[in-house]
Amino acid sequence: LHLGVANYCWFIDPSKALCLKLAGTPNATKPLAGMCD
């Protein structure tokens, strides 16, 4: 669970994380809050 100003990110499955897809970093271990949609 990553708490954000505009949402809570439940980073359970990195393969489903839109931020990682947008950044082209599918192997990241944490969400990219700056890329969050």
PDB file of all heavy atoms in Angstrom:
ATOM      1  N   LEU A   1       0.837  -1.201   0.000  1.00  0.00           N
ATOM      2  CA  LEU A   1       0.000   0.000   0.000  1.00  0.00           C
ATOM      3  C   LEU A   1       0.870   1.250   0.000  1.00  0.00           C
ATOM      4  O   LEU A   1       1.709   1.440   0.879  1.00  0.00           O
ATOM      5  CB  LEU A   1      -0.923   0.004   1.222  1.00  0.00           C
ATOM      6  CG  LEU A   1      -1.791   1.253   1.398  1.00  0.00           C
ATOM      7  CD1 LEU A   1      -2.715   1.441   0.196  1.00  0.00           C
ATOM      8  CD2 LEU A   1      -2.595   1.148   2.683  1.00  0.00           C
ATOM      9  N   HIS A   2       0.659   2.099  -0.996  1.00  0.00           N
ATOM     10  CA  HIS A   2       1.384   3.364  -1.113  1.00  0.00           C
ATOM     11  C   HIS A   2       0.354   4.490  -1.077  1.00  0.00           C
ATOM     12  O   HIS A   2      -0.529   4.553  -1.938  1.00  0.00           O
ATOM     13  CB  HIS A   2       2.202   3.402  -2.398  1.00  0.00           C
ATOM     14  CG  HIS A   2       3.227   2.313  -2.457  1.00  0.00           C
ATOM     15  ND1 HIS A   2       4.504   2.479  -1.989  1.00  0.00           N
ATOM     16  CD2 HIS A   2       3.135   1.026  -2.867  1.00  0.00           C
ATOM     17  CE1 HIS A   2       5.173   1.351  -2.140  1.00  0.00           C
ATOM     18  NE2 HIS A   2       4.360   0.450  -2.662  1.00  0.00           N
ATOM     19  N   LEU A   3       0.451   5.344  -0.067  1.00  0.00           N
ATOM     20  CA  LEU A   3      -0.513   6.413   0.128  1.00  0.00           C
ATOM     21  C   LEU A   3      -0.116   7.635  -0.672  1.00  0.00           C
ATOM     22  O   LEU A   3       1.004   8.121  -0.569  1.00  0.00           O
ATOM     23  CB  LEU A   3      -0.602   6.769   1.616  1.00  0.00           C
ATOM     24  CG  LEU A   3      -0.879   5.597   2.555  1.00  0.00           C
ATOM     25  CD1 LEU A   3      -0.897   6.073   3.996  1.00  0.00           C
ATOM     26  CD2 LEU A   3      -2.185   4.913   2.202  1.00  0.00           C
ATOM     27  N   GLY A   4      -1.049   8.118  -1.479  1.00  0.00           N
ATOM     28  CA  GLY A   4      -0.793   9.293  -2.302  1.00  0.00           C
ATOM     29  C   GLY A   4      -1.783  10.395  -1.993  1.00  0.00           C
ATOM     30  O   GLY A   4      -2.795  10.187  -1.327  1.00  0.00           O
ATOM     31  N   VAL A   5      -1.496  11.573  -2.488  1.00  0.00           N
ATOM     32  CA  VAL A   5      -2.365  12.731  -2.272  1.00  0.00           C
ATOM     33  C   VAL A   5      -3.697  12.553  -2.984  1.00  0.00           C
ATOM     34  O   VAL A   5      -4.739  12.944  -2.465  1.00  0.00           O
ATOM     35  CB  VAL A   5      -1.667  14.018  -2.773  1.00  0.00           C
ATOM     36  CG1 VAL A   5      -2.577  15.213  -2.680  1.00  0.00           C
ATOM     37  CG2 VAL A   5      -0.393  14.266  -1.992  1.00  0.00           C
ATOM     38  N   ALA A   6      -3.675  11.937  -4.163  1.00  0.00           N
ATOM     39  CA  ALA A   6      -4.888  11.809  -4.969  1.00  0.00           C
ATOM     40  C   ALA A   6      -5.450  10.391  -5.012  1.00  0.00           C
ATOM     41  O   ALA A   6      -6.522  10.177  -5.565  1.00  0.00           O
ATOM     42  CB  ALA A   6      -4.622  12.286  -6.392  1.00  0.00           C
ATOM     43  N   ASN A   7      -4.735   9.428  -4.436  1.00  0.00           N
ATOM     44  CA  ASN A   7      -5.209   8.040  -4.469  1.00  0.00           C
ATOM     45  C   ASN A   7      -4.360   7.169  -3.547  1.00  0.00           C
ATOM     46  O   ASN A   7      -3.330   7.607  -3.041  1.00  0.00           O
ATOM     47  CB  ASN A   7      -5.135   7.480  -5.887  1.00  0.00           C
ATOM     48  CG  ASN A   7      -3.702   7.352  -6.375  1.00  0.00           C
ATOM     49  OD1 ASN A   7      -3.040   8.353  -6.615  1.00  0.00           O
ATOM     50  ND2 ASN A   7      -3.234   6.126  -6.510  1.00  0.00           N
ATOM     51  N   TYR A   8      -4.829   5.950  -3.350  1.00  0.00           N
ATOM     52  CA  TYR A   8      -4.031   4.917  -2.698  1.00  0.00           C
ATOM     53  C   TYR A   8      -3.645   3.924  -3.787  1.00  0.00           C
ATOM     54  O   TYR A   8      -4.482   3.517  -4.588  1.00  0.00           O
ATOM     55  CB  TYR A   8      -4.818   4.188  -1.615  1.00  0.00           C
ATOM     56  CG  TYR A   8      -5.185   5.034  -0.418  1.00  0.00           C
ATOM     57  CD1 TYR A   8      -6.270   4.702   0.373  1.00  0.00           C
ATOM     58  CD2 TYR A   8      -4.444   6.161  -0.070  1.00  0.00           C
ATOM     59  CE1 TYR A   8      -6.608   5.463   1.475  1.00  0.00           C
ATOM     60  CE2 TYR A   8      -4.788   6.920   1.028  1.00  0.00           C
ATOM     61  CZ  TYR A   8      -5.870   6.570   1.796  1.00  0.00           C
ATOM     62  OH  TYR A   8      -6.210   7.330   2.883  1.00  0.00           O
ATOM     63  N   CYS A   9      -2.379   3.556  -3.810  1.00  0.00           N
ATOM     64  CA  CYS A   9      -1.884   2.589  -4.791  1.00  0.00           C
ATOM     65  C   CYS A   9      -1.684   1.254  -4.087  1.00  0.00           C
ATOM     66  O   CYS A   9      -0.881   1.140  -3.164  1.00  0.00           O
ATOM     67  CB  CYS A   9      -0.560   3.072  -5.395  1.00  0.00           C
ATOM     68  SG  CYS A   9       0.201   1.847  -6.484  1.00  0.00           S
ATOM     69  N   TRP A  10      -2.411   0.245  -4.541  1.00  0.00           N
ATOM     70  CA  TRP A  10      -2.272  -1.111  -4.016  1.00  0.00           C
ATOM     71  C   TRP A  10      -1.359  -1.848  -4.981  1.00  0.00           C
ATOM     72  O   TRP A  10      -1.809  -2.492  -5.915  1.00  0.00           O
ATOM     73  CB  TRP A  10      -3.641  -1.774  -3.922  1.00  0.00           C
ATOM     74  CG  TRP A  10      -4.527  -1.072  -2.965  1.00  0.00           C
ATOM     75  CD1 TRP A  10      -5.371  -0.033  -3.231  1.00  0.00           C
ATOM     76  CD2 TRP A  10      -4.639  -1.317  -1.571  1.00  0.00           C
ATOM     77  NE1 TRP A  10      -6.002   0.368  -2.093  1.00  0.00           N
ATOM     78  CE2 TRP A  10      -5.576  -0.406  -1.048  1.00  0.00           C
ATOM     79  CE3 TRP A  10      -4.025  -2.229  -0.699  1.00  0.00           C
ATOM     80  CZ2 TRP A  10      -5.916  -0.374   0.284  1.00  0.00           C
ATOM     81  CZ3 TRP A  10      -4.372  -2.199   0.629  1.00  0.00           C
ATOM     82  CH2 TRP A  10      -5.308  -1.282   1.113  1.00  0.00           C
ATOM     83  N   PHE A  11      -0.070  -1.730  -4.785  1.00  0.00           N
ATOM     84  CA  PHE A  11       0.947  -2.241  -5.697  1.00  0.00           C
ATOM     85  C   PHE A  11       1.135  -3.743  -5.470  1.00  0.00           C
ATOM     86  O   PHE A  11       2.182  -4.214  -5.060  1.00  0.00           O
ATOM     87  CB  PHE A  11       2.254  -1.471  -5.471  1.00  0.00           C
ATOM     88  CG  PHE A  11       3.248  -1.598  -6.567  1.00  0.00           C
ATOM     89  CD1 PHE A  11       3.027  -1.011  -7.800  1.00  0.00           C
ATOM     90  CD2 PHE A  11       4.418  -2.304  -6.374  1.00  0.00           C
ATOM     91  CE1 PHE A  11       3.959  -1.112  -8.819  1.00  0.00           C
ATOM     92  CE2 PHE A  11       5.360  -2.419  -7.381  1.00  0.00           C
ATOM     93  CZ  PHE A  11       5.126  -1.821  -8.605  1.00  0.00           C
ATOM     94  N   ILE A  12       0.078  -4.485  -5.741  1.00  0.00           N
ATOM     95  CA  ILE A  12       0.064  -5.928  -5.500  1.00  0.00           C
ATOM     96  C   ILE A  12       0.671  -6.684  -6.670  1.00  0.00           C
ATOM     97  O   ILE A  12       1.444  -7.614  -6.493  1.00  0.00           O
ATOM     98  CB  ILE A  12      -1.378  -6.405  -5.218  1.00  0.00           C
ATOM     99  CG1 ILE A  12      -1.878  -5.759  -3.923  1.00  0.00           C
ATOM    100  CG2 ILE A  12      -1.448  -7.923  -5.135  1.00  0.00           C
ATOM    101  CD1 ILE A  12      -3.356  -5.923  -3.673  1.00  0.00           C
ATOM    102  N   ASP A  13       0.329  -6.255  -7.881  1.00  0.00           N
ATOM    103  CA  ASP A  13       0.806  -6.939  -9.084  1.00  0.00           C
ATOM    104  C   ASP A  13       1.478  -5.924 -10.006  1.00  0.00           C
ATOM    105  O   ASP A  13       0.793  -5.198 -10.744  1.00  0.00           O
ATOM    106  CB  ASP A  13      -0.373  -7.611  -9.794  1.00  0.00           C
ATOM    107  CG  ASP A  13       0.049  -8.426 -10.999  1.00  0.00           C
ATOM    108  OD1 ASP A  13       1.247  -8.394 -11.363  1.00  0.00           O
ATOM    109  OD2 ASP A  13      -0.825  -9.092 -11.578  1.00  0.00           O
ATOM    110  N   PRO A  14       2.807  -5.838  -9.981  1.00  0.00           N
ATOM    111  CA  PRO A  14       3.506  -4.862 -10.818  1.00  0.00           C
ATOM    112  C   PRO A  14       3.163  -4.961 -12.305  1.00  0.00           C
ATOM    113  O   PRO A  14       3.201  -3.967 -13.012  1.00  0.00           O
ATOM    114  CB  PRO A  14       4.982  -5.180 -10.572  1.00  0.00           C
ATOM    115  CG  PRO A  14       5.010  -5.791  -9.221  1.00  0.00           C
ATOM    116  CD  PRO A  14       3.736  -6.584  -9.122  1.00  0.00           C
ATOM    117  N   SER A  15       2.791  -6.136 -12.775  1.00  0.00           N
ATOM    118  CA  SER A  15       2.459  -6.278 -14.199  1.00  0.00           C
ATOM    119  C   SER A  15       1.182  -5.528 -14.570  1.00  0.00           C
ATOM    120  O   SER A  15       0.928  -5.269 -15.743  1.00  0.00           O
ATOM    121  CB  SER A  15       2.331  -7.751 -14.579  1.00  0.00           C
ATOM    122  OG  SER A  15       1.173  -8.325 -13.994  1.00  0.00           O
ATOM    123  N   LYS A  16       0.374  -5.172 -13.587  1.00  0.00           N
ATOM    124  CA  LYS A  16      -0.861  -4.419 -13.834  1.00  0.00           C
ATOM    125  C   LYS A  16      -0.703  -2.922 -13.579  1.00  0.00           C
ATOM    126  O   LYS A  16      -1.625  -2.157 -13.820  1.00  0.00           O
ATOM    127  CB  LYS A  16      -1.984  -4.958 -12.946  1.00  0.00           C
ATOM    128  CG  LYS A  16      -2.421  -6.356 -13.302  1.00  0.00           C
ATOM    129  CD  LYS A  16      -3.552  -6.811 -12.421  1.00  0.00           C
ATOM    130  CE  LYS A  16      -3.977  -8.231 -12.768  1.00  0.00           C
ATOM    131  NZ  LYS A  16      -5.051  -8.706 -11.892  1.00  0.00           N
ATOM    132  N   ALA A  17       0.451  -2.505 -13.109  1.00  0.00           N
ATOM    133  CA  ALA A  17       0.673  -1.100 -12.760  1.00  0.00           C
ATOM    134  C   ALA A  17       0.825  -0.251 -14.016  1.00  0.00           C
ATOM    135  O   ALA A  17       1.784  -0.401 -14.777  1.00  0.00           O
ATOM    136  CB  ALA A  17       1.898  -0.963 -11.874  1.00  0.00           C
ATOM    137  N   LEU A  18      -0.113   0.642 -14.231  1.00  0.00           N
ATOM    138  CA  LEU A  18      -0.090   1.499 -15.405  1.00  0.00           C
ATOM    139  C   LEU A  18       1.154   2.385 -15.425  1.00  0.00           C
ATOM    140  O   LEU A  18       1.756   2.599 -16.486  1.00  0.00           O
ATOM    141  CB  LEU A  18      -1.355   2.364 -15.454  1.00  0.00           C
ATOM    142  CG  LEU A  18      -1.482   3.304 -16.640  1.00  0.00           C
ATOM    143  CD1 LEU A  18      -1.488   2.533 -17.958  1.00  0.00           C
ATOM    144  CD2 LEU A  18      -2.734   4.147 -16.507  1.00  0.00           C
ATOM    145  N   CYS A  19       1.592   2.862 -14.265  1.00  0.00           N
ATOM    146  CA  CYS A  19       2.779   3.724 -14.223  1.00  0.00           C
ATOM    147  C   CYS A  19       4.010   3.008 -14.769  1.00  0.00           C
ATOM    148  O   CYS A  19       4.816   3.601 -15.497  1.00  0.00           O
ATOM    149  CB  CYS A  19       3.033   4.235 -12.805  1.00  0.00           C
ATOM    150  SG  CYS A  19       3.378   2.953 -11.574  1.00  0.00           S
ATOM    151  N   LEU A  20       4.156   1.737 -14.462  1.00  0.00           N
ATOM    152  CA  LEU A  20       5.309   0.981 -14.957  1.00  0.00           C
ATOM    153  C   LEU A  20       5.221   0.741 -16.461  1.00  0.00           C
ATOM    154  O   LEU A  20       6.223   0.781 -17.168  1.00  0.00           O
ATOM    155  CB  LEU A  20       5.449  -0.353 -14.221  1.00  0.00           C
ATOM    156  CG  LEU A  20       5.641  -0.297 -12.706  1.00  0.00           C
ATOM    157  CD1 LEU A  20       5.914  -1.687 -12.159  1.00  0.00           C
ATOM    158  CD2 LEU A  20       6.720   0.676 -12.317  1.00  0.00           C
ATOM    159  N   LYS A  21       3.999   0.511 -16.929  1.00  0.00           N
ATOM    160  CA  LYS A  21       3.804   0.336 -18.369  1.00  0.00           C
ATOM    161  C   LYS A  21       4.131   1.619 -19.116  1.00  0.00           C
ATOM    162  O   LYS A  21       4.800   1.602 -20.148  1.00  0.00           O
ATOM    163  CB  LYS A  21       2.364  -0.096 -18.666  1.00  0.00           C
ATOM    164  CG  LYS A  21       2.050  -1.507 -18.209  1.00  0.00           C
ATOM    165  CD  LYS A  21       0.600  -1.844 -18.468  1.00  0.00           C
ATOM    166  CE  LYS A  21       0.264  -3.225 -17.927  1.00  0.00           C
ATOM    167  NZ  LYS A  21      -1.150  -3.560 -18.093  1.00  0.00           N
ATOM    168  N   LEU A  22       3.652   2.747 -18.593  1.00  0.00           N
ATOM    169  CA  LEU A  22       3.906   4.038 -19.242  1.00  0.00           C
ATOM    170  C   LEU A  22       5.391   4.378 -19.255  1.00  0.00           C
ATOM    171  O   LEU A  22       5.902   4.961 -20.213  1.00  0.00           O
ATOM    172  CB  LEU A  22       3.122   5.150 -18.539  1.00  0.00           C
ATOM    173  CG  LEU A  22       1.599   5.094 -18.653  1.00  0.00           C
ATOM    174  CD1 LEU A  22       0.957   6.150 -17.773  1.00  0.00           C
ATOM    175  CD2 LEU A  22       1.146   5.253 -20.094  1.00  0.00           C
ATOM    176  N   ALA A  23       6.096   4.013 -18.191  1.00  0.00           N
ATOM    177  CA  ALA A  23       7.524   4.327 -18.088  1.00  0.00           C
ATOM    178  C   ALA A  23       8.403   3.289 -18.774  1.00  0.00           C
ATOM    179  O   ALA A  23       9.599   3.515 -18.952  1.00  0.00           O
ATOM    180  CB  ALA A  23       7.925   4.436 -16.616  1.00  0.00           C
ATOM    181  N   GLY A  24       7.824   2.157 -19.144  1.00  0.00           N
ATOM    182  CA  GLY A  24       8.613   1.100 -19.768  1.00  0.00           C
ATOM    183  C   GLY A  24       9.549   0.412 -18.791  1.00  0.00           C
ATOM    184  O   GLY A  24      10.621  -0.045 -19.167  1.00  0.00           O
ATOM    185  N   THR A  25       9.125   0.338 -17.523  1.00  0.00           N
ATOM    186  CA  THR A  25       9.944  -0.305 -16.486  1.00  0.00           C
ATOM    187  C   THR A  25       9.136  -1.401 -15.795  1.00  0.00           C
ATOM    188  O   THR A  25       8.783  -1.277 -14.626  1.00  0.00           O
ATOM    189  CB  THR A  25      10.427   0.730 -15.440  1.00  0.00           C
ATOM    190  OG1 THR A  25       9.274   1.381 -14.895  1.00  0.00           O
ATOM    191  CG2 THR A  25      11.346   1.750 -16.048  1.00  0.00           C
ATOM    192  N   PRO A  26       8.835  -2.481 -16.493  1.00  0.00           N
ATOM    193  CA  PRO A  26       7.972  -3.525 -15.926  1.00  0.00           C
ATOM    194  C   PRO A  26       8.584  -4.277 -14.747  1.00  0.00           C
ATOM    195  O   PRO A  26       7.861  -4.939 -14.013  1.00  0.00           O
ATOM    196  CB  PRO A  26       7.730  -4.468 -17.102  1.00  0.00           C
ATOM    197  CG  PRO A  26       8.932  -4.272 -17.976  1.00  0.00           C
ATOM    198  CD  PRO A  26       9.302  -2.817 -17.823  1.00  0.00           C
ATOM    199  N   ASN A  27       9.884  -4.171 -14.529  1.00  0.00           N
ATOM    200  CA  ASN A  27      10.528  -4.909 -13.447  1.00  0.00           C
ATOM    201  C   ASN A  27      10.738  -4.076 -12.186  1.00  0.00           C
ATOM    202  O   ASN A  27      11.406  -4.544 -11.259  1.00  0.00           O
ATOM    203  CB  ASN A  27      11.861  -5.479 -13.929  1.00  0.00           C
ATOM    204  CG  ASN A  27      11.671  -6.462 -15.064  1.00  0.00           C
ATOM    205  OD1 ASN A  27      10.701  -7.218 -15.082  1.00  0.00           O
ATOM    206  ND2 ASN A  27      12.567  -6.445 -16.027  1.00  0.00           N
ATOM    207  N   ALA A  28      10.195  -2.877 -12.145  1.00  0.00           N
ATOM    208  CA  ALA A  28      10.353  -2.036 -10.961  1.00  0.00           C
ATOM    209  C   ALA A  28       9.661  -2.678  -9.764  1.00  0.00           C
ATOM    210  O   ALA A  28       8.683  -3.415  -9.912  1.00  0.00           O
ATOM    211  CB  ALA A  28       9.774  -0.649 -11.210  1.00  0.00           C
ATOM    212  N   THR A  29      10.171  -2.406  -8.586  1.00  0.00           N
ATOM    213  CA  THR A  29       9.622  -3.011  -7.371  1.00  0.00           C
ATOM    214  C   THR A  29       8.740  -2.054  -6.586  1.00  0.00           C
ATOM    215  O   THR A  29       8.154  -2.445  -5.580  1.00  0.00           O
ATOM    216  CB  THR A  29      10.757  -3.501  -6.459  1.00  0.00           C
ATOM    217  OG1 THR A  29      11.598  -2.394  -6.130  1.00  0.00           O
ATOM    218  CG2 THR A  29      11.563  -4.599  -7.139  1.00  0.00           C
ATOM    219  N   LYS A  30       8.653  -0.806  -7.037  1.00  0.00           N
ATOM    220  CA  LYS A  30       7.798   0.189  -6.387  1.00  0.00           C
ATOM    221  C   LYS A  30       7.082   0.983  -7.465  1.00  0.00           C
ATOM    222  O   LYS A  30       7.590   1.128  -8.575  1.00  0.00           O
ATOM    223  CB  LYS A  30       8.631   1.134  -5.523  1.00  0.00           C
ATOM    224  CG  LYS A  30       9.243   0.469  -4.317  1.00  0.00           C
ATOM    225  CD  LYS A  30       9.976   1.481  -3.477  1.00  0.00           C
ATOM    226  CE  LYS A  30      10.603   0.780  -2.272  1.00  0.00           C
ATOM    227  NZ  LYS A  30      11.345   1.705  -1.429  1.00  0.00           N
ATOM    228  N   PRO A  31       5.906   1.512  -7.139  1.00  0.00           N
ATOM    229  CA  PRO A  31       5.199   2.318  -8.137  1.00  0.00           C
ATOM    230  C   PRO A  31       5.931   3.629  -8.400  1.00  0.00           C
ATOM    231  O   PRO A  31       6.693   4.103  -7.568  1.00  0.00           O
ATOM    232  CB  PRO A  31       3.837   2.559  -7.483  1.00  0.00           C
ATOM    233  CG  PRO A  31       4.086   2.449  -6.031  1.00  0.00           C
ATOM    234  CD  PRO A  31       5.183   1.431  -5.873  1.00  0.00           C
ATOM    235  N   LEU A  32       5.677   4.199  -9.557  1.00  0.00           N
ATOM    236  CA  LEU A  32       6.261   5.481  -9.934  1.00  0.00           C
ATOM    237  C   LEU A  32       5.193   6.553  -9.744  1.00  0.00           C
ATOM    238  O   LEU A  32       4.412   6.826 -10.654  1.00  0.00           O
ATOM    239  CB  LEU A  32       6.749   5.430 -11.383  1.00  0.00           C
ATOM    240  CG  LEU A  32       7.749   4.316 -11.692  1.00  0.00           C
ATOM    241  CD1 LEU A  32       7.999   4.220 -13.182  1.00  0.00           C
ATOM    242  CD2 LEU A  32       9.038   4.536 -10.930  1.00  0.00           C
ATOM    243  N   ALA A  33       5.148   7.132  -8.567  1.00  0.00           N
ATOM    244  CA  ALA A  33       4.083   8.066  -8.210  1.00  0.00           C
ATOM    245  C   ALA A  33       3.974   9.224  -9.190  1.00  0.00           C
ATOM    246  O   ALA A  33       2.872   9.686  -9.499  1.00  0.00           O
ATOM    247  CB  ALA A  33       4.301   8.586  -6.791  1.00  0.00           C
ATOM    248  N   GLY A  34       5.083   9.686  -9.717  1.00  0.00           N
ATOM    249  CA  GLY A  34       5.060  10.793 -10.665  1.00  0.00           C
ATOM    250  C   GLY A  34       4.435  10.444 -12.001  1.00  0.00           C
ATOM    251  O   GLY A  34       4.055  11.313 -12.765  1.00  0.00           O
ATOM    252  N   MET A  35       4.323   9.166 -12.292  1.00  0.00           N
ATOM    253  CA  MET A  35       3.735   8.698 -13.547  1.00  0.00           C
ATOM    254  C   MET A  35       2.313   8.176 -13.344  1.00  0.00           C
ATOM    255  O   MET A  35       1.703   7.660 -14.272  1.00  0.00           O
ATOM    256  CB  MET A  35       4.581   7.571 -14.142  1.00  0.00           C
ATOM    257  CG  MET A  35       6.003   7.913 -14.473  1.00  0.00           C
ATOM    258  SD  MET A  35       6.210   8.717 -16.055  1.00  0.00           S
ATOM    259  CE  MET A  35       5.440   7.630 -17.207  1.00  0.00           C
ATOM    260  N   CYS A  36       1.805   8.287 -12.144  1.00  0.00           N
ATOM    261  CA  CYS A  36       0.510   7.698 -11.806  1.00  0.00           C
ATOM    262  C   CYS A  36      -0.645   8.368 -12.556  1.00  0.00           C
ATOM    263  O   CYS A  36      -0.753   9.583 -12.590  1.00  0.00           O
ATOM    264  CB  CYS A  36       0.262   7.804 -10.301  1.00  0.00           C
ATOM    265  SG  CYS A  36      -1.275   7.014  -9.802  1.00  0.00           S
ATOM    266  N   ASP A  37      -1.468   7.553 -13.164  1.00  0.00           N
ATOM    267  CA  ASP A  37      -2.734   7.996 -13.746  1.00  0.00           C
ATOM    268  C   ASP A  37      -3.796   7.157 -13.052  1.00  0.00           C
ATOM    269  O   ASP A  37      -4.282   6.165 -13.586  1.00  0.00           O
ATOM    270  CB  ASP A  37      -2.739   7.788 -15.258  1.00  0.00           C
ATOM    271  CG  ASP A  37      -4.006   8.327 -15.908  1.00  0.00           C
ATOM    272  OD1 ASP A  37      -4.948   8.717 -15.176  1.00  0.00           O
ATOM    273  OD2 ASP A  37      -4.066   8.355 -17.141  1.00  0.00           O
TER     274      ASP A  37
END
